[in-house]
N, C-alpha and C. Protein backbone atom coordinates (compact mmCIF):
# COMPACT_ATOMS: atom_id res chain seq x y z
N MET A 1 36.61 64.97 84.36
CA MET A 1 36.40 63.86 85.26
C MET A 1 34.99 63.28 85.10
N ARG A 2 34.01 64.17 84.95
CA ARG A 2 32.63 63.71 84.77
C ARG A 2 32.48 62.90 83.49
N LEU A 3 33.12 63.38 82.44
CA LEU A 3 33.04 62.69 81.15
C LEU A 3 33.66 61.30 81.27
N TYR A 4 34.76 61.21 81.98
CA TYR A 4 35.42 59.92 82.18
C TYR A 4 34.50 58.96 82.93
N ARG A 5 33.85 59.44 83.99
CA ARG A 5 32.93 58.60 84.76
C ARG A 5 31.77 58.11 83.90
N ARG A 6 31.25 59.05 83.10
CA ARG A 6 30.11 58.68 82.24
C ARG A 6 30.53 57.62 81.22
N GLU A 7 31.70 57.81 80.62
CA GLU A 7 32.18 56.82 79.65
C GLU A 7 32.44 55.48 80.32
N LYS A 8 33.00 55.53 81.50
CA LYS A 8 33.27 54.30 82.25
C LYS A 8 31.95 53.60 82.60
N THR A 9 30.97 54.37 83.04
CA THR A 9 29.66 53.81 83.39
C THR A 9 29.00 53.21 82.15
N ASP A 10 29.04 53.95 81.03
CA ASP A 10 28.46 53.43 79.79
C ASP A 10 29.14 52.13 79.37
N PHE A 11 30.47 52.11 79.51
CA PHE A 11 31.22 50.91 79.15
C PHE A 11 30.79 49.73 80.03
N LEU A 12 30.65 49.97 81.33
CA LEU A 12 30.26 48.89 82.24
C LEU A 12 28.85 48.38 81.94
N PHE A 13 27.93 49.31 81.61
CA PHE A 13 26.58 48.89 81.25
C PHE A 13 26.58 48.08 79.96
N GLU A 14 27.36 48.51 78.99
CA GLU A 14 27.45 47.77 77.73
C GLU A 14 28.04 46.38 77.97
N GLU A 15 29.06 46.31 78.79
CA GLU A 15 29.69 45.03 79.10
C GLU A 15 28.70 44.11 79.83
N ALA A 16 27.96 44.66 80.77
CA ALA A 16 26.96 43.86 81.49
C ALA A 16 25.86 43.38 80.54
N ALA A 17 25.44 44.25 79.64
CA ALA A 17 24.41 43.87 78.67
C ALA A 17 24.91 42.76 77.75
N LEU A 18 26.16 42.85 77.35
CA LEU A 18 26.75 41.82 76.49
C LEU A 18 26.84 40.48 77.22
N LYS A 19 27.28 40.52 78.48
CA LYS A 19 27.36 39.29 79.26
C LYS A 19 25.97 38.70 79.48
N SER A 20 25.00 39.55 79.72
CA SER A 20 23.62 39.10 79.91
C SER A 20 23.09 38.44 78.63
N GLN A 21 23.40 39.05 77.48
CA GLN A 21 22.96 38.48 76.20
C GLN A 21 23.64 37.13 75.95
N ARG A 22 24.92 37.03 76.28
CA ARG A 22 25.62 35.76 76.12
C ARG A 22 25.01 34.68 77.00
N LEU A 23 24.65 35.04 78.22
CA LEU A 23 24.03 34.09 79.14
C LEU A 23 22.67 33.64 78.61
N ARG A 24 21.88 34.58 78.09
CA ARG A 24 20.58 34.23 77.51
C ARG A 24 20.76 33.29 76.31
N ASN A 25 21.75 33.59 75.48
CA ASN A 25 22.01 32.73 74.32
C ASN A 25 22.41 31.33 74.76
N PHE A 26 23.25 31.25 75.80
CA PHE A 26 23.68 29.96 76.31
C PHE A 26 22.49 29.16 76.86
N LYS A 27 21.64 29.84 77.62
CA LYS A 27 20.45 29.17 78.17
C LYS A 27 19.52 28.70 77.06
N ASN A 28 19.31 29.55 76.06
CA ASN A 28 18.43 29.18 74.94
C ASN A 28 18.98 27.99 74.17
N GLU A 29 20.30 27.99 73.95
CA GLU A 29 20.92 26.87 73.24
C GLU A 29 20.77 25.58 74.04
N ALA A 30 20.98 25.65 75.35
CA ALA A 30 20.82 24.46 76.19
C ALA A 30 19.37 23.97 76.16
N LEU A 31 18.43 24.90 76.21
CA LEU A 31 17.01 24.54 76.16
C LEU A 31 16.66 23.91 74.81
N ASN A 32 17.20 24.47 73.73
CA ASN A 32 16.95 23.90 72.40
C ASN A 32 17.49 22.48 72.30
N GLN A 33 18.67 22.24 72.85
CA GLN A 33 19.24 20.90 72.81
C GLN A 33 18.39 19.92 73.60
N GLU A 34 17.93 20.34 74.78
CA GLU A 34 17.08 19.46 75.60
C GLU A 34 15.75 19.19 74.90
N THR A 35 15.18 20.21 74.28
CA THR A 35 13.92 20.04 73.56
C THR A 35 14.10 19.06 72.41
N THR A 36 15.22 19.19 71.70
CA THR A 36 15.49 18.28 70.59
C THR A 36 15.64 16.85 71.08
N LYS A 37 16.36 16.67 72.18
CA LYS A 37 16.54 15.33 72.74
C LYS A 37 15.19 14.74 73.15
N PHE A 38 14.36 15.57 73.78
CA PHE A 38 13.05 15.09 74.21
C PHE A 38 12.17 14.74 73.02
N SER A 39 12.22 15.55 71.97
CA SER A 39 11.44 15.27 70.76
C SER A 39 11.88 13.96 70.13
N GLU A 40 13.18 13.74 70.07
CA GLU A 40 13.69 12.48 69.51
C GLU A 40 13.23 11.30 70.36
N PHE A 41 13.28 11.47 71.68
CA PHE A 41 12.83 10.41 72.57
C PHE A 41 11.35 10.10 72.35
N CYS A 42 10.53 11.15 72.24
CA CYS A 42 9.09 10.95 72.01
C CYS A 42 8.85 10.25 70.69
N PHE A 43 9.58 10.64 69.65
CA PHE A 43 9.42 10.02 68.34
C PHE A 43 9.80 8.54 68.39
N GLN A 44 10.92 8.24 69.04
CA GLN A 44 11.35 6.84 69.15
C GLN A 44 10.36 6.01 69.96
N THR A 45 9.85 6.60 71.04
CA THR A 45 8.88 5.89 71.87
C THR A 45 7.60 5.63 71.09
N THR A 46 7.15 6.63 70.35
CA THR A 46 5.94 6.47 69.54
C THR A 46 6.15 5.41 68.47
N SER A 47 7.32 5.43 67.85
CA SER A 47 7.61 4.41 66.83
C SER A 47 7.63 3.02 67.44
N LEU A 48 8.22 2.89 68.59
CA LEU A 48 8.27 1.60 69.27
C LEU A 48 6.86 1.13 69.62
N ALA A 49 6.05 2.03 70.16
CA ALA A 49 4.68 1.66 70.52
C ALA A 49 3.89 1.24 69.29
N THR A 50 4.05 1.97 68.20
CA THR A 50 3.35 1.62 66.96
C THR A 50 3.78 0.25 66.47
N ASN A 51 5.09 -0.01 66.51
CA ASN A 51 5.58 -1.32 66.07
C ASN A 51 5.06 -2.45 66.95
N LEU A 52 5.00 -2.21 68.26
CA LEU A 52 4.50 -3.25 69.16
C LEU A 52 3.02 -3.53 68.94
N ILE A 53 2.26 -2.48 68.74
CA ILE A 53 0.82 -2.65 68.49
C ILE A 53 0.60 -3.40 67.17
N THR A 54 1.36 -3.02 66.15
CA THR A 54 1.25 -3.71 64.86
C THR A 54 1.62 -5.18 65.00
N LEU A 55 2.69 -5.46 65.70
CA LEU A 55 3.11 -6.85 65.92
C LEU A 55 2.04 -7.63 66.68
N PHE A 56 1.45 -6.99 67.68
CA PHE A 56 0.38 -7.65 68.44
C PHE A 56 -0.81 -7.97 67.55
N LEU A 57 -1.21 -7.00 66.73
CA LEU A 57 -2.37 -7.24 65.85
C LEU A 57 -2.08 -8.31 64.82
N ILE A 58 -0.90 -8.32 64.26
CA ILE A 58 -0.53 -9.35 63.29
C ILE A 58 -0.53 -10.72 63.95
N SER A 59 0.04 -10.80 65.15
CA SER A 59 0.09 -12.09 65.84
C SER A 59 -1.33 -12.58 66.19
N ARG A 60 -2.22 -11.68 66.56
CA ARG A 60 -3.60 -12.07 66.87
C ARG A 60 -4.28 -12.64 65.64
N VAL A 61 -4.11 -11.98 64.51
CA VAL A 61 -4.71 -12.46 63.27
C VAL A 61 -4.11 -13.81 62.89
N PHE A 62 -2.80 -13.93 63.01
CA PHE A 62 -2.12 -15.17 62.65
C PHE A 62 -2.61 -16.33 63.52
N PHE A 63 -2.62 -16.12 64.84
CA PHE A 63 -3.04 -17.19 65.74
C PHE A 63 -4.53 -17.47 65.65
N PHE A 64 -5.32 -16.45 65.33
CA PHE A 64 -6.76 -16.66 65.15
C PHE A 64 -7.00 -17.53 63.93
N ASN A 65 -6.24 -17.29 62.85
CA ASN A 65 -6.40 -18.10 61.63
C ASN A 65 -5.93 -19.53 61.84
N ILE A 66 -4.90 -19.73 62.66
CA ILE A 66 -4.43 -21.09 62.95
C ILE A 66 -5.47 -21.83 63.80
N GLY A 67 -6.08 -21.13 64.75
CA GLY A 67 -7.07 -21.75 65.63
C GLY A 67 -8.31 -22.20 64.90
N ASN A 68 -8.69 -21.51 63.86
CA ASN A 68 -9.92 -21.87 63.14
C ASN A 68 -9.55 -22.71 62.01
């Protein structure tokens, strides 16, 4: 009877550890996806800002040359 209880307890601990590992993996995967989305957003925003600044500088040079 003792051996059965010990095996049952070991099985339950192993099962709990496996479920815990699956939950950690799920959380890590969700975090990785969110991080990737945020990185893509930052890259797109930076690209947009760079393009706008470049456009502004080109327009300033163009209009400055027309004015003179």
